[in-house]
N, C-alpha and C. Protein backbone atom coordinates (compact mmCIF):
# COMPACT_ATOMS: atom_id res chain seq x y z
N MET A 1 108.60 44.09 137.35
CA MET A 1 108.50 43.84 138.77
C MET A 1 109.25 44.92 139.55
N ALA A 2 108.66 45.38 140.61
CA ALA A 2 109.29 46.41 141.43
C ALA A 2 110.55 45.86 142.09
N LEU A 3 111.56 46.70 142.16
CA LEU A 3 112.83 46.35 142.76
C LEU A 3 112.69 46.34 144.27
N GLU A 4 113.26 45.35 144.92
CA GLU A 4 113.29 45.35 146.38
C GLU A 4 114.44 46.27 146.81
N ILE A 5 114.11 47.35 147.48
CA ILE A 5 115.12 48.30 147.93
C ILE A 5 115.47 47.97 149.37
N THR A 6 116.76 47.76 149.59
CA THR A 6 117.26 47.38 150.91
C THR A 6 118.38 48.33 151.33
N ASN A 7 118.82 48.21 152.56
CA ASN A 7 119.96 49.00 153.01
C ASN A 7 121.18 48.73 152.14
N GLU A 8 121.30 47.49 151.63
CA GLU A 8 122.47 47.09 150.86
C GLU A 8 122.49 47.69 149.46
N ASN A 9 121.35 47.85 148.79
CA ASN A 9 121.36 48.34 147.41
C ASN A 9 120.87 49.78 147.27
N TYR A 10 120.51 50.41 148.37
CA TYR A 10 119.95 51.76 148.34
C TYR A 10 120.89 52.77 147.66
N ALA A 11 122.14 52.78 148.03
CA ALA A 11 123.10 53.75 147.46
C ALA A 11 123.23 53.55 145.95
N GLU A 12 123.25 52.31 145.51
CA GLU A 12 123.35 52.01 144.08
C GLU A 12 122.12 52.51 143.33
N VAL A 13 120.94 52.30 143.92
CA VAL A 13 119.69 52.77 143.31
C VAL A 13 119.72 54.29 143.17
N MET A 14 120.13 54.97 144.23
CA MET A 14 120.15 56.43 144.21
C MET A 14 121.19 56.99 143.24
N ALA A 15 122.24 56.22 142.96
CA ALA A 15 123.30 56.67 142.06
C ALA A 15 123.00 56.36 140.60
N SER A 16 121.84 55.79 140.33
CA SER A 16 121.51 55.36 138.97
C SER A 16 121.32 56.50 137.99
N GLY A 17 120.98 57.69 138.49
CA GLY A 17 120.72 58.82 137.60
C GLY A 17 119.28 58.88 137.11
N LYS A 18 118.51 57.85 137.38
CA LYS A 18 117.10 57.83 136.98
C LYS A 18 116.23 58.35 138.12
N PRO A 19 115.01 58.83 137.76
CA PRO A 19 114.06 59.13 138.83
C PRO A 19 113.75 57.84 139.60
N VAL A 20 113.44 57.98 140.88
CA VAL A 20 113.19 56.82 141.74
C VAL A 20 111.86 57.01 142.47
N VAL A 21 111.08 55.93 142.54
CA VAL A 21 109.85 55.90 143.31
C VAL A 21 110.00 54.77 144.32
N ILE A 22 109.81 55.09 145.60
CA ILE A 22 109.93 54.08 146.65
C ILE A 22 108.60 53.93 147.37
N ASP A 23 108.09 52.70 147.37
CA ASP A 23 106.87 52.36 148.10
C ASP A 23 107.29 51.76 149.44
N PHE A 24 107.04 52.49 150.52
CA PHE A 24 107.33 51.99 151.86
C PHE A 24 106.12 51.19 152.32
N TRP A 25 106.34 49.93 152.68
CA TRP A 25 105.24 49.01 152.97
C TRP A 25 105.65 48.01 154.03
N ALA A 26 104.70 47.18 154.44
CA ALA A 26 104.97 46.05 155.34
C ALA A 26 103.97 44.94 155.02
N GLU A 27 104.39 43.72 155.25
CA GLU A 27 103.56 42.55 154.98
C GLU A 27 102.24 42.60 155.74
N TRP A 28 102.25 43.11 156.95
CA TRP A 28 101.08 43.12 157.82
C TRP A 28 100.11 44.27 157.54
N CYS A 29 100.44 45.13 156.60
CA CYS A 29 99.67 46.36 156.32
C CYS A 29 98.61 46.12 155.24
N GLY A 30 97.34 46.20 155.63
CA GLY A 30 96.25 46.00 154.68
C GLY A 30 96.24 46.97 153.52
N PRO A 31 96.30 48.29 153.76
CA PRO A 31 96.33 49.25 152.65
C PRO A 31 97.55 49.05 151.74
N CYS A 32 98.66 48.58 152.31
CA CYS A 32 99.86 48.31 151.49
C CYS A 32 99.56 47.21 150.47
N ARG A 33 98.79 46.22 150.89
CA ARG A 33 98.44 45.12 149.98
C ARG A 33 97.52 45.61 148.86
N MET A 34 96.76 46.66 149.10
CA MET A 34 95.91 47.24 148.05
C MET A 34 96.76 48.02 147.04
N VAL A 35 97.76 48.73 147.50
CA VAL A 35 98.59 49.56 146.63
C VAL A 35 99.66 48.72 145.92
N GLY A 36 100.08 47.62 146.54
CA GLY A 36 101.16 46.80 145.99
C GLY A 36 101.00 46.42 144.53
N PRO A 37 99.85 45.89 144.10
CA PRO A 37 99.69 45.51 142.69
C PRO A 37 99.79 46.71 141.75
N ILE A 38 99.35 47.88 142.19
CA ILE A 38 99.46 49.09 141.37
C ILE A 38 100.93 49.45 141.17
N VAL A 39 101.70 49.37 142.25
CA VAL A 39 103.13 49.68 142.18
C VAL A 39 103.81 48.70 141.22
N GLU A 40 103.44 47.43 141.28
CA GLU A 40 104.01 46.43 140.37
C GLU A 40 103.69 46.75 138.92
N GLU A 41 102.45 47.15 138.64
CA GLU A 41 102.05 47.52 137.28
C GLU A 41 102.87 48.71 136.78
N LEU A 42 103.02 49.71 137.62
CA LEU A 42 103.78 50.90 137.23
C LEU A 42 105.25 50.56 137.00
N ALA A 43 105.79 49.64 137.80
CA ALA A 43 107.18 49.22 137.63
C ALA A 43 107.38 48.61 136.25
N GLU A 44 106.42 47.85 135.78
CA GLU A 44 106.52 47.26 134.44
C GLU A 44 106.35 48.33 133.35
N GLU A 45 105.38 49.23 133.53
CA GLU A 45 105.10 50.25 132.53
C GLU A 45 106.26 51.24 132.36
N TYR A 46 106.96 51.53 133.44
CA TYR A 46 108.03 52.54 133.40
C TYR A 46 109.42 51.92 133.55
N ALA A 47 109.55 50.64 133.25
CA ALA A 47 110.79 49.89 133.50
C ALA A 47 112.05 50.56 132.94
N ASP A 48 111.97 51.18 131.78
CA ASP A 48 113.16 51.76 131.16
C ASP A 48 113.42 53.20 131.57
N LYS A 49 112.43 53.83 132.24
CA LYS A 49 112.54 55.26 132.50
C LYS A 49 112.72 55.61 133.98
N VAL A 50 112.11 54.81 134.86
CA VAL A 50 112.07 55.13 136.28
C VAL A 50 112.35 53.87 137.09
N ILE A 51 113.10 53.99 138.17
CA ILE A 51 113.28 52.87 139.08
C ILE A 51 112.14 52.93 140.08
N ILE A 52 111.33 51.89 140.08
CA ILE A 52 110.21 51.81 141.02
C ILE A 52 110.48 50.62 141.93
N GLY A 53 110.57 50.92 143.22
CA GLY A 53 110.91 49.87 144.17
C GLY A 53 110.04 49.88 145.40
N LYS A 54 110.18 48.80 146.16
CA LYS A 54 109.45 48.63 147.41
C LYS A 54 110.46 48.48 148.53
N CYS A 55 110.20 49.15 149.64
CA CYS A 55 111.09 49.11 150.79
C CYS A 55 110.30 48.65 152.01
N ASP A 56 110.66 47.50 152.55
CA ASP A 56 109.98 46.94 153.72
C ASP A 56 110.39 47.72 154.96
N VAL A 57 109.42 48.40 155.59
CA VAL A 57 109.74 49.25 156.73
C VAL A 57 110.25 48.46 157.93
N ASP A 58 109.97 47.17 157.98
CA ASP A 58 110.42 46.36 159.10
C ASP A 58 111.89 45.96 159.01
N SER A 59 112.52 46.17 157.84
CA SER A 59 113.91 45.74 157.70
C SER A 59 114.86 46.84 157.21
N CYS A 60 114.36 48.06 157.04
CA CYS A 60 115.20 49.14 156.50
C CYS A 60 115.07 50.42 157.33
N ASP A 61 115.41 50.32 158.60
CA ASP A 61 115.24 51.46 159.51
C ASP A 61 115.92 52.74 159.03
N ASP A 62 117.11 52.62 158.45
CA ASP A 62 117.85 53.81 158.04
C ASP A 62 117.13 54.56 156.93
N ILE A 63 116.63 53.83 155.94
CA ILE A 63 115.93 54.46 154.82
C ILE A 63 114.60 55.06 155.30
N VAL A 64 113.90 54.32 156.14
CA VAL A 64 112.63 54.80 156.70
C VAL A 64 112.86 56.11 157.46
N ALA A 65 113.92 56.18 158.25
CA ALA A 65 114.23 57.39 159.01
C ALA A 65 114.60 58.54 158.08
N GLU A 66 115.36 58.25 157.02
CA GLU A 66 115.79 59.30 156.10
C GLU A 66 114.60 60.04 155.48
N TYR A 67 113.54 59.31 155.16
CA TYR A 67 112.36 59.91 154.53
C TYR A 67 111.24 60.21 155.53
N LYS A 68 111.54 60.04 156.81
CA LYS A 68 110.59 60.36 157.89
C LYS A 68 109.24 59.68 157.67
N VAL A 69 109.28 58.40 157.32
CA VAL A 69 108.06 57.64 157.10
C VAL A 69 107.45 57.29 158.45
N ARG A 70 106.24 57.75 158.67
CA ARG A 70 105.55 57.50 159.94
C ARG A 70 104.30 56.64 159.75
N ASN A 71 103.75 56.66 158.55
CA ASN A 71 102.57 55.86 158.23
C ASN A 71 102.83 55.11 156.93
N ILE A 72 102.20 53.97 156.78
CA ILE A 72 102.34 53.22 155.54
C ILE A 72 100.97 52.84 155.01
N PRO A 73 100.84 52.71 153.70
CA PRO A 73 101.89 52.92 152.71
C PRO A 73 102.25 54.40 152.55
N THR A 74 103.52 54.65 152.33
CA THR A 74 104.02 55.96 151.92
C THR A 74 104.82 55.74 150.66
N ILE A 75 104.55 56.54 149.65
CA ILE A 75 105.28 56.44 148.39
C ILE A 75 105.98 57.77 148.17
N VAL A 76 107.31 57.72 148.03
CA VAL A 76 108.09 58.94 147.79
C VAL A 76 108.58 58.95 146.35
N PHE A 77 108.64 60.16 145.80
CA PHE A 77 109.05 60.37 144.41
C PHE A 77 110.31 61.21 144.43
N LEU A 78 111.39 60.69 143.84
CA LEU A 78 112.70 61.33 143.90
C LEU A 78 113.22 61.64 142.51
N LYS A 79 113.79 62.81 142.37
CA LYS A 79 114.42 63.20 141.11
C LYS A 79 115.73 63.87 141.45
N GLY A 80 116.81 63.43 140.83
CA GLY A 80 118.11 63.98 141.14
C GLY A 80 118.52 63.74 142.58
N GLY A 81 118.00 62.67 143.17
CA GLY A 81 118.33 62.33 144.54
C GLY A 81 117.54 63.10 145.58
N GLU A 82 116.67 64.01 145.15
CA GLU A 82 115.88 64.83 146.07
C GLU A 82 114.41 64.43 146.02
N GLN A 83 113.77 64.40 147.18
CA GLN A 83 112.35 64.11 147.23
C GLN A 83 111.57 65.28 146.65
N VAL A 84 110.71 64.99 145.65
CA VAL A 84 109.92 66.04 145.03
C VAL A 84 108.42 65.88 145.29
N ASP A 85 108.02 64.70 145.77
CA ASP A 85 106.60 64.47 146.04
C ASP A 85 106.46 63.28 146.98
N LYS A 86 105.25 63.13 147.55
CA LYS A 86 105.00 62.04 148.48
C LYS A 86 103.50 61.78 148.54
N VAL A 87 103.13 60.52 148.66
CA VAL A 87 101.74 60.14 148.87
C VAL A 87 101.70 59.25 150.11
N VAL A 88 100.82 59.57 151.05
CA VAL A 88 100.65 58.76 152.25
C VAL A 88 99.26 58.16 152.21
N GLY A 89 99.19 56.84 152.36
CA GLY A 89 97.91 56.14 152.33
C GLY A 89 97.64 55.54 150.97
N ALA A 90 96.61 54.72 150.93
CA ALA A 90 96.21 54.08 149.68
C ALA A 90 95.69 55.13 148.71
N THR A 91 96.00 54.95 147.43
CA THR A 91 95.56 55.89 146.41
C THR A 91 95.36 55.15 145.09
N SER A 92 94.88 55.84 144.10
CA SER A 92 94.55 55.22 142.82
C SER A 92 95.76 55.13 141.90
N LYS A 93 95.66 54.25 140.92
CA LYS A 93 96.72 54.13 139.92
C LYS A 93 96.86 55.43 139.14
N GLU A 94 95.74 56.08 138.85
CA GLU A 94 95.78 57.33 138.09
C GLU A 94 96.59 58.40 138.82
N THR A 95 96.39 58.50 140.12
CA THR A 95 97.13 59.48 140.91
C THR A 95 98.62 59.18 140.89
N LEU A 96 98.98 57.92 141.11
CA LEU A 96 100.39 57.55 141.12
C LEU A 96 101.02 57.73 139.74
N LYS A 97 100.29 57.35 138.70
CA LYS A 97 100.80 57.49 137.33
C LYS A 97 101.09 58.95 137.01
N ALA A 98 100.19 59.86 137.42
CA ALA A 98 100.40 61.29 137.17
C ALA A 98 101.66 61.79 137.89
N LYS A 99 101.89 61.29 139.09
CA LYS A 99 103.07 61.71 139.84
C LYS A 99 104.36 61.15 139.23
N VAL A 100 104.30 59.92 138.72
CA VAL A 100 105.46 59.33 138.04
C VAL A 100 105.73 60.13 136.74
N ASP A 101 104.68 60.43 136.00
CA ASP A 101 104.84 61.20 134.76
C ASP A 101 105.49 62.56 135.04
N ALA A 102 105.17 63.15 136.18
CA ALA A 102 105.73 64.45 136.53
C ALA A 102 107.25 64.38 136.77
N LEU A 103 107.75 63.17 137.06
CA LEU A 103 109.20 63.00 137.26
C LEU A 103 109.97 63.03 135.94
N LEU A 104 109.27 62.73 134.85
CA LEU A 104 109.95 62.59 133.54
C LEU A 104 110.11 63.89 132.81
């Protein structure tokens, strides 16, 4: 299951030393609901290697601002605390899987 990333646990997630994938989403967002199950599947598949989490844009203004998220869904890929890739909009599991694999 994807980790819920909040203002409270964000620093801990980033300090983990693992690659991090953050899905920026909102309950009211139709395309987010399409991508959500894919993100959950990837979270299970990569549970030991990558932290895959979801960040609700309606409750995490600081994190949203840090990554300059303007449209959702936006998925950011981080390695060593630095953003190395980003996907904006709904996309396929194959595309996301390839980007996660590139983090390893």
